[in-house]
Amino acid sequence: QVQLVESGGDSVQAGGSLTLSCVASGYSYSYDCMGWFRQAPGKEREGVAAIDSDGSTSYADSVKGRFTISRDNAKNTMYLQMNSLEPEDTAMYYCAAQPWVAVYIAGLHPGRYMFWGQGTQVTVSS
């Protein structure tokens, strides 16, 4: 079965950095879009960043200039480099994938992704 497994979440002080990883298994599509989403208690899930197989990207305004999304297609692995972390970044971070869709279609819309991981917790303290 398709699995997406996130790792790298941790507790860090404001201003610190973390790198999240997401490994996909159980499918082999020639093209897909993968994204990072986050959800804090009491809030809706929001898109953070997304990248398709061409390498095109999309970022939420709140993380532009601080986060960088990347992927290794050969390893079916996606990364999120997070710098200058703020308490507002505290959330459960999920990776997601949608086959055969480019980032300009799937973007940061949670409803347009069909495969999801179980999440990794990021906590940023003041």
PDB file of N, CA and C in Angstrom:
ATOM      1  N   GLN A   1       0.843  -1.189   0.000  1.00  0.00           N
ATOM      2  CA  GLN A   1       0.000   0.000   0.000  1.00  0.00           C
ATOM      3  C   GLN A   1       0.885   1.247   0.000  1.00  0.00           C
ATOM      4  N   VAL A   2       0.344   2.336  -0.515  1.00  0.00           N
ATOM      5  CA  VAL A   2       1.068   3.595  -0.567  1.00  0.00           C
ATOM      6  C   VAL A   2       1.327   4.098   0.842  1.00  0.00           C
ATOM      7  N   GLN A   3       2.552   4.507   1.086  1.00  0.00           N
ATOM      8  CA  GLN A   3       2.918   5.077   2.374  1.00  0.00           C
ATOM      9  C   GLN A   3       3.771   6.320   2.178  1.00  0.00           C
ATOM     10  N   LEU A   4       3.485   7.333   2.964  1.00  0.00           N
ATOM     11  CA  LEU A   4       4.321   8.517   3.071  1.00  0.00           C
ATOM     12  C   LEU A   4       4.732   8.629   4.529  1.00  0.00           C
ATOM     13  N   VAL A   5       6.022   8.702   4.776  1.00  0.00           N
ATOM     14  CA  VAL A   5       6.533   8.728   6.142  1.00  0.00           C
ATOM     15  C   VAL A   5       7.387   9.965   6.337  1.00  0.00           C
ATOM     16  N   GLU A   6       6.956  10.816   7.270  1.00  0.00           N
ATOM     17  CA  GLU A   6       7.687  12.032   7.594  1.00  0.00           C
ATOM     18  C   GLU A   6       8.659  11.774   8.738  1.00  0.00           C
ATOM     19  N   SER A   7       9.717  12.558   8.777  1.00  0.00           N
ATOM     20  CA  SER A   7      10.657  12.514   9.882  1.00  0.00           C
ATOM     21  C   SER A   7      11.346  13.866   9.998  1.00  0.00           C
ATOM     22  N   GLY A   8      11.979  14.094  11.120  1.00  0.00           N
ATOM     23  CA  GLY A   8      12.751  15.306  11.321  1.00  0.00           C
ATOM     24  C   GLY A   8      12.137  16.317  12.260  1.00  0.00           C
ATOM     25  N   GLY A   9      10.895  16.108  12.670  1.00  0.00           N
ATOM     26  CA  GLY A   9      10.270  17.034  13.594  1.00  0.00           C
ATOM     27  C   GLY A   9      10.955  17.020  14.947  1.00  0.00           C
ATOM     28  N   ASP A  10      10.961  18.172  15.604  1.00  0.00           N
ATOM     29  CA  ASP A  10      11.650  18.297  16.882  1.00  0.00           C
ATOM     30  C   ASP A  10      11.188  19.562  17.578  1.00  0.00           C
ATOM     31  N   SER A  11      11.683  19.757  18.781  1.00  0.00           N
ATOM     32  CA  SER A  11      11.478  21.000  19.511  1.00  0.00           C
ATOM     33  C   SER A  11      12.709  21.866  19.337  1.00  0.00           C
ATOM     34  N   VAL A  12      12.494  23.126  19.004  1.00  0.00           N
ATOM     35  CA  VAL A  12      13.602  24.034  18.727  1.00  0.00           C
ATOM     36  C   VAL A  12      13.233  25.427  19.206  1.00  0.00           C
ATOM     37  N   GLN A  13      14.225  26.223  19.538  1.00  0.00           N
ATOM     38  CA  GLN A  13      13.979  27.599  19.947  1.00  0.00           C
ATOM     39  C   GLN A  13      13.787  28.503  18.738  1.00  0.00           C
ATOM     40  N   ALA A  14      13.082  29.587  18.952  1.00  0.00           N
ATOM     41  CA  ALA A  14      12.863  30.562  17.885  1.00  0.00           C
ATOM     42  C   ALA A  14      14.195  30.977  17.265  1.00  0.00           C
ATOM     43  N   GLY A  15      14.194  31.059  15.942  1.00  0.00           N
ATOM     44  CA  GLY A  15      15.406  31.394  15.216  1.00  0.00           C
ATOM     45  C   GLY A  15      16.194  30.191  14.753  1.00  0.00           C
ATOM     46  N   GLY A  16      15.837  29.022  15.237  1.00  0.00           N
ATOM     47  CA  GLY A  16      16.538  27.812  14.877  1.00  0.00           C
ATOM     48  C   GLY A  16      16.096  27.244  13.543  1.00  0.00           C
ATOM     49  N   SER A  17      16.676  26.094  13.193  1.00  0.00           N
ATOM     50  CA  SER A  17      16.409  25.455  11.910  1.00  0.00           C
ATOM     51  C   SER A  17      16.111  23.980  12.091  1.00  0.00           C
ATOM     52  N   LEU A  18      15.328  23.444  11.173  1.00  0.00           N
ATOM     53  CA  LEU A  18      15.033  22.026  11.107  1.00  0.00           C
ATOM     54  C   LEU A  18      14.900  21.621   9.646  1.00  0.00           C
ATOM     55  N   THR A  19      15.172  20.359   9.368  1.00  0.00           N
ATOM     56  CA  THR A  19      14.934  19.801   8.053  1.00  0.00           C
ATOM     57  C   THR A  19      14.001  18.608   8.182  1.00  0.00           C
ATOM     58  N   LEU A  20      12.886  18.658   7.490  1.00  0.00           N
ATOM     59  CA  LEU A  20      11.940  17.562   7.467  1.00  0.00           C
ATOM     60  C   LEU A  20      12.142  16.729   6.207  1.00  0.00           C
ATOM     61  N   SER A  21      11.894  15.432   6.324  1.00  0.00           N
ATOM     62  CA  SER A  21      11.984  14.523   5.189  1.00  0.00           C
ATOM     63  C   SER A  21      10.692  13.740   5.056  1.00  0.00           C
ATOM     64  N   CYS A  22      10.361  13.385   3.834  1.00  0.00           N
ATOM     65  CA  CYS A  22       9.192  12.557   3.557  1.00  0.00           C
ATOM     66  C   CYS A  22       9.576  11.527   2.514  1.00  0.00           C
ATOM     67  N   VAL A  23       9.453  10.259   2.870  1.00  0.00           N
ATOM     68  CA  VAL A  23       9.777   9.168   1.959  1.00  0.00           C
ATOM     69  C   VAL A  23       8.493   8.499   1.499  1.00  0.00           C
ATOM     70  N   ALA A  24       8.313   8.414   0.198  1.00  0.00           N
ATOM     71  CA  ALA A  24       7.144   7.775  -0.380  1.00  0.00           C
ATOM     72  C   ALA A  24       7.487   6.367  -0.834  1.00  0.00           C
ATOM     73  N   SER A  25       6.577   5.434  -0.602  1.00  0.00           N
ATOM     74  CA  SER A  25       6.766   4.063  -1.047  1.00  0.00           C
ATOM     75  C   SER A  25       5.425   3.464  -1.441  1.00  0.00           C
ATOM     76  N   GLY A  26       5.479   2.351  -2.167  1.00  0.00           N
ATOM     77  CA  GLY A  26       4.260   1.670  -2.563  1.00  0.00           C
ATOM     78  C   GLY A  26       3.681   2.126  -3.883  1.00  0.00           C
ATOM     79  N   TYR A  27       4.315   3.090  -4.518  1.00  0.00           N
ATOM     80  CA  TYR A  27       3.885   3.494  -5.847  1.00  0.00           C
ATOM     81  C   TYR A  27       5.067   4.067  -6.608  1.00  0.00           C
ATOM     82  N   SER A  28       4.949   4.044  -7.909  1.00  0.00           N
ATOM     83  CA  SER A  28       6.009   4.560  -8.770  1.00  0.00           C
ATOM     84  C   SER A  28       5.370   5.271  -9.950  1.00  0.00           C
ATOM     85  N   TYR A  29       5.124   6.551  -9.783  1.00  0.00           N
ATOM     86  CA  TYR A  29       4.546   7.365 -10.843  1.00  0.00           C
ATOM     87  C   TYR A  29       5.635   8.170 -11.532  1.00  0.00           C
ATOM     88  N   SER A  30       5.477   8.343 -12.817  1.00  0.00           N
ATOM     89  CA  SER A  30       6.453   9.113 -13.562  1.00  0.00           C
ATOM     90  C   SER A  30       6.365  10.598 -13.248  1.00  0.00           C
ATOM     91  N   TYR A  31       5.224  11.030 -12.743  1.00  0.00           N
ATOM     92  CA  TYR A  31       5.014  12.444 -12.454  1.00  0.00           C
ATOM     93  C   TYR A  31       4.052  12.592 -11.284  1.00  0.00           C
ATOM     94  N   ASP A  32       4.371  13.483 -10.364  1.00  0.00           N
ATOM     95  CA  ASP A  32       3.454  13.794  -9.277  1.00  0.00           C
ATOM     96  C   ASP A  32       3.779  15.154  -8.689  1.00  0.00           C
ATOM     97  N   CYS A  33       2.928  15.579  -7.788  1.00  0.00           N
ATOM     98  CA  CYS A  33       3.165  16.774  -7.007  1.00  0.00           C
ATOM     99  C   CYS A  33       3.178  16.369  -5.537  1.00  0.00           C
ATOM    100  N   MET A  34       4.157  16.849  -4.811  1.00  0.00           N
ATOM    101  CA  MET A  34       4.254  16.568  -3.392  1.00  0.00           C
ATOM    102  C   MET A  34       4.255  17.885  -2.630  1.00  0.00           C
ATOM    103  N   GLY A  35       3.670  17.858  -1.449  1.00  0.00           N
ATOM    104  CA  GLY A  35       3.575  19.080  -0.687  1.00  0.00           C
ATOM    105  C   GLY A  35       3.703  18.861   0.806  1.00  0.00           C
ATOM    106  N   TRP A  36       4.018  19.944   1.491  1.00  0.00           N
ATOM    107  CA  TRP A  36       4.045  19.980   2.949  1.00  0.00           C
ATOM    108  C   TRP A  36       2.877  20.819   3.445  1.00  0.00           C
ATOM    109  N   PHE A  37       2.158  20.280   4.414  1.00  0.00           N
ATOM    110  CA  PHE A  37       1.032  20.960   5.031  1.00  0.00           C
ATOM    111  C   PHE A  37       1.218  20.924   6.539  1.00  0.00           C
ATOM    112  N   ARG A  38       0.583  21.834   7.230  1.00  0.00           N
ATOM    113  CA  ARG A  38       0.698  21.841   8.681  1.00  0.00           C
ATOM    114  C   ARG A  38      -0.643  22.182   9.313  1.00  0.00           C
ATOM    115  N   GLN A  39      -0.811  21.704  10.531  1.00  0.00           N
ATOM    116  CA  GLN A  39      -2.040  21.957  11.258  1.00  0.00           C
ATOM    117  C   GLN A  39      -1.730  22.155  12.735  1.00  0.00           C
ATOM    118  N   ALA A  40      -2.094  23.315  13.242  1.00  0.00           N
ATOM    119  CA  ALA A  40      -1.941  23.630  14.647  1.00  0.00           C
ATOM    120  C   ALA A  40      -3.265  23.373  15.358  1.00  0.00           C
ATOM    121  N   PRO A  41      -3.242  23.135  16.668  1.00  0.00           N
ATOM    122  CA  PRO A  41      -4.476  22.897  17.407  1.00  0.00           C
ATOM    123  C   PRO A  41      -5.480  24.025  17.211  1.00  0.00           C
ATOM    124  N   GLY A  42      -6.709  23.660  16.895  1.00  0.00           N
ATOM    125  CA  GLY A  42      -7.761  24.641  16.718  1.00  0.00           C
ATOM    126  C   GLY A  42      -7.762  25.345  15.381  1.00  0.00           C
ATOM    127  N   LYS A  43      -6.851  24.990  14.489  1.00  0.00           N
ATOM    128  CA  LYS A  43      -6.770  25.633  13.185  1.00  0.00           C
ATOM    129  C   LYS A  43      -6.946  24.622  12.067  1.00  0.00           C
ATOM    130  N   GLU A  44      -7.307  25.117  10.898  1.00  0.00           N
ATOM    131  CA  GLU A  44      -7.440  24.267   9.732  1.00  0.00           C
ATOM    132  C   GLU A  44      -6.069  23.933   9.163  1.00  0.00           C
ATOM    133  N   ARG A  45      -6.019  22.831   8.437  1.00  0.00           N
ATOM    134  CA  ARG A  45      -4.787  22.455   7.773  1.00  0.00           C
ATOM    135  C   ARG A  45      -4.466  23.460   6.670  1.00  0.00           C
ATOM    136  N   GLU A  46      -3.213  23.886   6.611  1.00  0.00           N
ATOM    137  CA  GLU A  46      -2.813  24.861   5.618  1.00  0.00           C
ATOM    138  C   GLU A  46      -1.606  24.376   4.834  1.00  0.00           C
ATOM    139  N   GLY A  47      -1.545  24.777   3.584  1.00  0.00           N
ATOM    140  CA  GLY A  47      -0.412  24.443   2.753  1.00  0.00           C
ATOM    141  C   GLY A  47       0.797  25.277   3.109  1.00  0.00           C
ATOM    142  N   VAL A  48       1.957  24.649   3.116  1.00  0.00           N
ATOM    143  CA  VAL A  48       3.215  25.316   3.423  1.00  0.00           C
ATOM    144  C   VAL A  48       4.045  25.502   2.163  1.00  0.00           C
ATOM    145  N   ALA A  49       4.271  24.407   1.448  1.00  0.00           N
ATOM    146  CA  ALA A  49       5.061  24.436   0.229  1.00  0.00           C
ATOM    147  C   ALA A  49       4.755  23.194  -0.584  1.00  0.00           C
ATOM    148  N   ALA A  50       4.942  23.288  -1.889  1.00  0.00           N
ATOM    149  CA  ALA A  50       4.699  22.149  -2.763  1.00  0.00           C
ATOM    150  C   ALA A  50       5.692  22.156  -3.909  1.00  0.00           C
ATOM    151  N   ILE A  51       5.942  20.971  -4.453  1.00  0.00           N
ATOM    152  CA  ILE A  51       6.889  20.832  -5.557  1.00  0.00           C
ATOM    153  C   ILE A  51       6.459  19.661  -6.430  1.00  0.00           C
ATOM    154  N   ASP A  52       6.527  19.833  -7.750  1.00  0.00           N
ATOM    155  CA  ASP A  52       6.174  18.746  -8.645  1.00  0.00           C
ATOM    156  C   ASP A  52       7.428  18.107  -9.232  1.00  0.00           C
ATOM    157  N   SER A  53       7.225  17.140 -10.104  1.00  0.00           N
ATOM    158  CA  SER A  53       8.353  16.389 -10.642  1.00  0.00           C
ATOM    159  C   SER A  53       9.257  17.228 -11.530  1.00  0.00           C
ATOM    160  N   ASP A  54       8.743  18.335 -12.046  1.00  0.00           N
ATOM    161  CA  ASP A  54       9.568  19.241 -12.836  1.00  0.00           C
ATOM    162  C   ASP A  54      10.439  20.131 -11.962  1.00  0.00           C
ATOM    163  N   GLY A  55      10.155  20.159 -10.662  1.00  0.00           N
ATOM    164  CA  GLY A  55      10.886  21.025  -9.765  1.00  0.00           C
ATOM    165  C   GLY A  55      10.246  22.374  -9.534  1.00  0.00           C
ATOM    166  N   SER A  56       9.096  22.626 -10.146  1.00  0.00           N
ATOM    167  CA  SER A  56       8.384  23.871  -9.901  1.00  0.00           C
ATOM    168  C   SER A  56       7.843  23.874  -8.482  1.00  0.00           C
ATOM    169  N   THR A  57       7.821  25.041  -7.857  1.00  0.00           N
ATOM    170  CA  THR A  57       7.461  25.133  -6.445  1.00  0.00           C
ATOM    171  C   THR A  57       6.401  26.181  -6.192  1.00  0.00           C
ATOM    172  N   SER A  58       5.781  26.059  -5.029  1.00  0.00           N
ATOM    173  CA  SER A  58       4.842  27.043  -4.536  1.00  0.00           C
ATOM    174  C   SER A  58       5.024  27.150  -3.032  1.00  0.00           C
ATOM    175  N   TYR A  59       4.985  28.374  -2.499  1.00  0.00           N
ATOM    176  CA  TYR A  59       5.162  28.602  -1.073  1.00  0.00           C
ATOM    177  C   TYR A  59       4.053  29.468  -0.517  1.00  0.00           C
ATOM    178  N   ALA A  60       3.684  29.183   0.721  1.00  0.00           N
ATOM    179  CA  ALA A  60       2.795  30.078   1.434  1.00  0.00           C
ATOM    180  C   ALA A  60       3.525  31.373   1.742  1.00  0.00           C
ATOM    181  N   ASP A  61       2.794  32.481   1.726  1.00  0.00           N
ATOM    182  CA  ASP A  61       3.420  33.772   1.996  1.00  0.00           C
ATOM    183  C   ASP A  61       4.121  33.798   3.354  1.00  0.00           C
ATOM    184  N   SER A  62       3.587  33.085   4.317  1.00  0.00           N
ATOM    185  CA  SER A  62       4.122  33.114   5.666  1.00  0.00           C
ATOM    186  C   SER A  62       5.493  32.469   5.800  1.00  0.00           C
ATOM    187  N   VAL A  63       5.900  31.662   4.807  1.00  0.00           N
ATOM    188  CA  VAL A  63       7.179  30.969   4.910  1.00  0.00           C
ATOM    189  C   VAL A  63       8.161  31.357   3.813  1.00  0.00           C
ATOM    190  N   LYS A  64       7.755  32.195   2.892  1.00  0.00           N
ATOM    191  CA  LYS A  64       8.649  32.609   1.814  1.00  0.00           C
ATOM    192  C   LYS A  64       9.896  33.282   2.379  1.00  0.00           C
ATOM    193  N   GLY A  65      11.038  32.881   1.865  1.00  0.00           N
ATOM    194  CA  GLY A  65      12.294  33.422   2.335  1.00  0.00           C
ATOM    195  C   GLY A  65      12.867  32.698   3.524  1.00  0.00           C
ATOM    196  N   ARG A  66      12.081  31.827   4.155  1.00  0.00           N
ATOM    197  CA  ARG A  66      12.551  31.086   5.322  1.00  0.00           C
ATOM    198  C   ARG A  66      12.620  29.582   5.069  1.00  0.00           C
ATOM    199  N   PHE A  67      11.669  29.055   4.308  1.00  0.00           N
ATOM    200  CA  PHE A  67      11.600  27.619   4.037  1.00  0.00           C
ATOM    201  C   PHE A  67      11.979  27.335   2.590  1.00  0.00           C
ATOM    202  N   THR A  68      12.580  26.170   2.361  1.00  0.00           N
ATOM    203  CA  THR A  68      12.920  25.730   1.026  1.00  0.00           C
ATOM    204  C   THR A  68      12.488  24.280   0.842  1.00  0.00           C
ATOM    205  N   ILE A  69      11.692  24.027  -0.190  1.00  0.00           N
ATOM    206  CA  ILE A  69      11.253  22.676  -0.488  1.00  0.00           C
ATOM    207  C   ILE A  69      12.114  22.110  -1.611  1.00  0.00           C
ATOM    208  N   SER A  70      12.408  20.820  -1.534  1.00  0.00           N
ATOM    209  CA  SER A  70      13.183  20.156  -2.566  1.00  0.00           C
ATOM    210  C   SER A  70      12.783  18.686  -2.623  1.00  0.00           C
ATOM    211  N   ARG A  71      13.237  17.993  -3.659  1.00  0.00           N
ATOM    212  CA  ARG A  71      12.933  16.571  -3.769  1.00  0.00           C
ATOM    213  C   ARG A  71      14.014  15.855  -4.543  1.00  0.00           C
ATOM    214  N   ASP A  72      14.117  14.566  -4.275  1.00  0.00           N
ATOM    215  CA  ASP A  72      15.007  13.675  -4.991  1.00  0.00           C
ATOM    216  C   ASP A  72      14.112  12.632  -5.640  1.00  0.00           C
ATOM    217  N   ASN A  73      13.866  12.778  -6.926  1.00  0.00           N
ATOM    218  CA  ASN A  73      12.935  11.892  -7.614  1.00  0.00           C
ATOM    219  C   ASN A  73      13.390  10.437  -7.596  1.00  0.00           C
ATOM    220  N   ALA A  74      14.686  10.206  -7.690  1.00  0.00           N
ATOM    221  CA  ALA A  74      15.208   8.849  -7.697  1.00  0.00           C
ATOM    222  C   ALA A  74      14.953   8.139  -6.378  1.00  0.00           C
ATOM    223  N   LYS A  75      14.910   8.890  -5.286  1.00  0.00           N
ATOM    224  CA  LYS A  75      14.695   8.321  -3.959  1.00  0.00           C
ATOM    225  C   LYS A  75      13.260   8.462  -3.476  1.00  0.00           C
ATOM    226  N   ASN A  76      12.405   9.069  -4.281  1.00  0.00           N
ATOM    227  CA  ASN A  76      11.026   9.332  -3.877  1.00  0.00           C
ATOM    228  C   ASN A  76      10.978  10.031  -2.517  1.00  0.00           C
ATOM    229  N   THR A  77      11.849  10.995  -2.349  1.00  0.00           N
ATOM    230  CA  THR A  77      11.979  11.688  -1.078  1.00  0.00           C
ATOM    231  C   THR A  77      11.838  13.188  -1.277  1.00  0.00           C
ATOM    232  N   MET A  78      11.113  13.814  -0.368  1.00  0.00           N
ATOM    233  CA  MET A  78      10.911  15.253  -0.379  1.00  0.00           C
ATOM    234  C   MET A  78      11.445  15.831   0.921  1.00  0.00           C
ATOM    235  N   TYR A  79      11.945  17.057   0.854  1.00  0.00           N
ATOM    236  CA  TYR A  79      12.530  17.707   2.014  1.00  0.00           C
ATOM    237  C   TYR A  79      11.932  19.092   2.211  1.00  0.00           C
ATOM    238  N   LEU A  80      11.969  19.538   3.441  1.00  0.00           N
ATOM    239  CA  LEU A  80      11.607  20.906   3.759  1.00  0.00           C
ATOM    240  C   LEU A  80      12.658  21.458   4.703  1.00  0.00           C
ATOM    241  N   GLN A  81      13.470  22.376   4.196  1.00  0.00           N
ATOM    242  CA  GLN A  81      14.460  23.058   5.012  1.00  0.00           C
ATOM    243  C   GLN A  81      13.806  24.283   5.618  1.00  0.00           C
ATOM    244  N   MET A  82      13.757  24.335   6.939  1.00  0.00           N
ATOM    245  CA  MET A  82      13.092  25.405   7.648  1.00  0.00           C
ATOM    246  C   MET A  82      14.125  26.201   8.440  1.00  0.00           C
ATOM    247  N   ASN A  83      14.241  27.475   8.126  1.00  0.00           N
ATOM    248  CA  ASN A  83      15.156  28.371   8.814  1.00  0.00           C
ATOM    249  C   ASN A  83      14.372  29.484   9.491  1.00  0.00           C
ATOM    250  N   SER A  84      15.027  30.159  10.426  1.00  0.00           N
ATOM    251  CA  SER A  84      14.419  31.283  11.137  1.00  0.00           C
ATOM    252  C   SER A  84      13.038  30.927  11.671  1.00  0.00           C
ATOM    253  N   LEU A  85      12.956  29.797  12.327  1.00  0.00           N
ATOM    254  CA  LEU A  85      11.670  29.315  12.824  1.00  0.00           C
ATOM    255  C   LEU A  85      11.077  30.249  13.869  1.00  0.00           C
ATOM    256  N   GLU A  86       9.772  30.358  13.829  1.00  0.00           N
ATOM    257  CA  GLU A  86       9.018  31.211  14.727  1.00  0.00           C
ATOM    258  C   GLU A  86       8.011  30.375  15.501  1.00  0.00           C
ATOM    259  N   PRO A  87       7.578  30.857  16.673  1.00  0.00           N
ATOM    260  CA  PRO A  87       6.561  30.108  17.416  1.00  0.00           C
ATOM    261  C   PRO A  87       5.313  29.810  16.595  1.00  0.00           C
ATOM    262  N   GLU A  88       4.978  30.693  15.665  1.00  0.00           N
ATOM    263  CA  GLU A  88       3.814  30.500  14.808  1.00  0.00           C
ATOM    264  C   GLU A  88       3.969  29.317  13.859  1.00  0.00           C
ATOM    265  N   ASP A  89       5.180  28.806  13.707  1.00  0.00           N
ATOM    266  CA  ASP A  89       5.411  27.632  12.871  1.00  0.00           C
ATOM    267  C   ASP A  89       5.095  26.333  13.600  1.00  0.00           C
ATOM    268  N   THR A  90       4.811  26.403  14.884  1.00  0.00           N
ATOM    269  CA  THR A  90       4.495  25.211  15.664  1.00  0.00           C
ATOM    270  C   THR A  90       3.243  24.536  15.120  1.00  0.00           C
ATOM    271  N   ALA A  91       3.367  23.262  14.772  1.00  0.00           N
ATOM    272  CA  ALA A  91       2.257  22.518  14.183  1.00  0.00           C
ATOM    273  C   ALA A  91       2.688  21.086  13.921  1.00  0.00           C
ATOM    274  N   MET A  92       1.708  20.250  13.606  1.00  0.00           N
ATOM    275  CA  MET A  92       1.986  18.949  13.051  1.00  0.00           C
ATOM    276  C   MET A  92       2.170  19.134  11.548  1.00  0.00           C
ATOM    277  N   TYR A  93       3.284  18.669  11.028  1.00  0.00           N
ATOM    278  CA  TYR A  93       3.593  18.818   9.614  1.00  0.00           C
ATOM    279  C   TYR A  93       3.350  17.507   8.883  1.00  0.00           C
ATOM    280  N   TYR A  94       2.589  17.574   7.804  1.00  0.00           N
ATOM    281  CA  TYR A  94       2.237  16.414   7.014  1.00  0.00           C
ATOM    282  C   TYR A  94       2.789  16.541   5.598  1.00  0.00           C
ATOM    283  N   CYS A  95       3.224  15.436   5.033  1.00  0.00           N
ATOM    284  CA  CYS A  95       3.542  15.424   3.618  1.00  0.00           C
ATOM    285  C   CYS A  95       2.402  14.778   2.854  1.00  0.00           C
ATOM    286  N   ALA A  96       2.262  15.152   1.604  1.00  0.00           N
ATOM    287  CA  ALA A  96       1.177  14.664   0.776  1.00  0.00           C
ATOM    288  C   ALA A  96       1.652  14.527  -0.663  1.00  0.00           C
ATOM    289  N   ALA A  97       0.939  13.702  -1.430  1.00  0.00           N
ATOM    290  CA  ALA A  97       1.289  13.492  -2.829  1.00  0.00           C
ATOM    291  C   ALA A  97       0.044  13.338  -3.675  1.00  0.00           C
ATOM    292  N   GLN A  98       0.118  13.837  -4.889  1.00  0.00           N
ATOM    293  CA  GLN A  98      -0.954  13.701  -5.865  1.00  0.00           C
ATOM    294  C   GLN A  98      -0.337  13.323  -7.209  1.00  0.00           C
ATOM    295  N   PRO A  99      -0.595  12.092  -7.672  1.00  0.00           N
ATOM    296  CA  PRO A  99      -0.013  11.683  -8.958  1.00  0.00           C
ATOM    297  C   PRO A  99      -0.575  12.452 -10.134  1.00  0.00           C
ATOM    298  N   TRP A 100       0.251  12.620 -11.142  1.00  0.00           N
ATOM    299  CA  TRP A 100      -0.137  13.139 -12.442  1.00  0.00           C
ATOM    300  C   TRP A 100      -0.699  14.554 -12.414  1.00  0.00           C
ATOM    301  N   VAL A 101      -0.247  15.331 -11.475  1.00  0.00           N
ATOM    302  CA  VAL A 101      -0.703  16.707 -11.351  1.00  0.00           C
ATOM    303  C   VAL A 101       0.493  17.615 -11.104  1.00  0.00           C
ATOM    304  N   ALA A 102       0.532  18.732 -11.790  1.00  0.00           N
ATOM    305  CA  ALA A 102       1.597  19.710 -11.613  1.00  0.00           C
ATOM    306  C   ALA A 102       1.273  20.652 -10.461  1.00  0.00           C
ATOM    307  N   VAL A 103       2.289  21.333  -9.970  1.00  0.00           N
ATOM    308  CA  VAL A 103       2.100  22.170  -8.795  1.00  0.00           C
ATOM    309  C   VAL A 103       1.147  23.325  -9.067  1.00  0.00           C
ATOM    310  N   TYR A 104       1.094  23.785 -10.300  1.00  0.00           N
ATOM    311  CA  TYR A 104       0.189  24.903 -10.572  1.00  0.00           C
ATOM    312  C   TYR A 104      -1.273  24.496 -10.473  1.00  0.00           C
ATOM    313  N   ILE A 105      -1.534  23.182 -10.456  1.00  0.00           N
ATOM    314  CA  ILE A 105      -2.882  22.674 -10.260  1.00  0.00           C
ATOM    315  C   ILE A 105      -3.123  22.310  -8.795  1.00  0.00           C
ATOM    316  N   ALA A 106      -2.258  21.477  -8.232  1.00  0.00           N
ATOM    317  CA  ALA A 106      -2.444  21.025  -6.850  1.00  0.00           C
ATOM    318  C   ALA A 106      -2.100  22.109  -5.845  1.00  0.00           C
ATOM    319  N   GLY A 107      -1.002  22.788  -6.060  1.00  0.00           N
ATOM    320  CA  GLY A 107      -0.602  23.913  -5.230  1.00  0.00           C
ATOM    321  C   GLY A 107      -0.616  23.611  -3.751  1.00  0.00           C
ATOM    322  N   LEU A 108      -1.201  24.520  -2.991  1.00  0.00           N
ATOM    323  CA  LEU A 108      -1.273  24.419  -1.542  1.00  0.00           C
ATOM    324  C   LEU A 108      -2.679  24.082  -1.070  1.00  0.00           C
ATOM    325  N   HIS A 109      -3.418  23.380  -1.897  1.00  0.00           N
ATOM    326  CA  HIS A 109      -4.801  23.027  -1.580  1.00  0.00           C
ATOM    327  C   HIS A 109      -4.856  21.605  -1.032  1.00  0.00           C
ATOM    328  N   PRO A 110      -5.133  21.407   0.244  1.00  0.00           N
ATOM    329  CA  PRO A 110      -5.150  20.056   0.825  1.00  0.00           C
ATOM    330  C   PRO A 110      -6.090  19.097   0.115  1.00  0.00           C
ATOM    331  N   GLY A 111      -7.234  19.587  -0.357  1.00  0.00           N
ATOM    332  CA  GLY A 111      -8.220  18.728  -0.983  1.00  0.00           C
ATOM    333  C   GLY A 111      -7.804  18.156  -2.320  1.00  0.00           C
ATOM    334  N   ARG A 112      -6.702  18.627  -2.879  1.00  0.00           N
ATOM    335  CA  ARG A 112      -6.249  18.154  -4.168  1.00  0.00           C
ATOM    336  C   ARG A 112      -5.158  17.093  -4.067  1.00  0.00           C
ATOM    337  N   TYR A 113      -4.875  16.625  -2.879  1.00  0.00           N
ATOM    338  CA  TYR A 113      -3.887  15.580  -2.650  1.00  0.00           C
ATOM    339  C   TYR A 113      -4.569  14.333  -2.108  1.00  0.00           C
ATOM    340  N   MET A 114      -4.176  13.171  -2.625  1.00  0.00           N
ATOM    341  CA  MET A 114      -4.854  11.943  -2.221  1.00  0.00           C
ATOM    342  C   MET A 114      -4.066  11.082  -1.243  1.00  0.00           C
ATOM    343  N   PHE A 115      -2.742  11.180  -1.235  1.00  0.00           N
ATOM    344  CA  PHE A 115      -1.921  10.385  -0.326  1.00  0.00           C
ATOM    345  C   PHE A 115      -1.335  11.272   0.755  1.00  0.00           C
ATOM    346  N   TRP A 116      -1.410  10.790   1.997  1.00  0.00           N
ATOM    347  CA  TRP A 116      -0.964  11.576   3.149  1.00  0.00           C
ATOM    348  C   TRP A 116      -0.149  10.749   4.121  1.00  0.00           C
ATOM    349  N   GLY A 117       0.832  11.394   4.742  1.00  0.00           N
ATOM    350  CA  GLY A 117       1.564  10.779   5.825  1.00  0.00           C
ATOM    351  C   GLY A 117       0.876  11.025   7.154  1.00  0.00           C
ATOM    352  N   GLN A 118       1.463  10.492   8.221  1.00  0.00           N
ATOM    353  CA  GLN A 118       0.867  10.607   9.546  1.00  0.00           C
ATOM    354  C   GLN A 118       1.342  11.821  10.323  1.00  0.00           C
ATOM    355  N   GLY A 119       2.335  12.501   9.829  1.00  0.00           N
ATOM    356  CA  GLY A 119       2.757  13.750  10.427  1.00  0.00           C
ATOM    357  C   GLY A 119       3.981  13.640  11.318  1.00  0.00           C
ATOM    358  N   THR A 120       4.656  14.768  11.467  1.00  0.00           N
ATOM    359  CA  THR A 120       5.776  14.892  12.385  1.00  0.00           C
ATOM    360  C   THR A 120       5.652  16.245  13.086  1.00  0.00           C
ATOM    361  N   GLN A 121       5.831  16.249  14.390  1.00  0.00           N
ATOM    362  CA  GLN A 121       5.564  17.439  15.190  1.00  0.00           C
ATOM    363  C   GLN A 121       6.757  18.386  15.199  1.00  0.00           C
ATOM    364  N   VAL A 122       6.472  19.658  14.942  1.00  0.00           N
ATOM    365  CA  VAL A 122       7.460  20.724  15.051  1.00  0.00           C
ATOM    366  C   VAL A 122       6.982  21.693  16.120  1.00  0.00           C
ATOM    367  N   THR A 123       7.814  21.925  17.108  1.00  0.00           N
ATOM    368  CA  THR A 123       7.480  22.836  18.190  1.00  0.00           C
ATOM    369  C   THR A 123       8.571  23.890  18.307  1.00  0.00           C
ATOM    370  N   VAL A 124       8.180  25.152  18.211  1.00  0.00           N
ATOM    371  CA  VAL A 124       9.122  26.266  18.277  1.00  0.00           C
ATOM    372  C   VAL A 124       8.788  27.091  19.508  1.00  0.00           C
ATOM    373  N   SER A 125       9.729  27.213  20.412  1.00  0.00           N
ATOM    374  CA  SER A 125       9.520  27.944  21.651  1.00  0.00           C
ATOM    375  C   SER A 125      10.195  29.304  21.597  1.00  0.00           C
ATOM    376  N   SER A 126       9.654  30.244  22.369  1.00  0.00           N
ATOM    377  CA  SER A 126      10.200  31.597  22.424  1.00  0.00           C
ATOM    378  C   SER A 126      11.474  31.641  23.242  1.00  0.00           C
TER     379      SER A 126
END
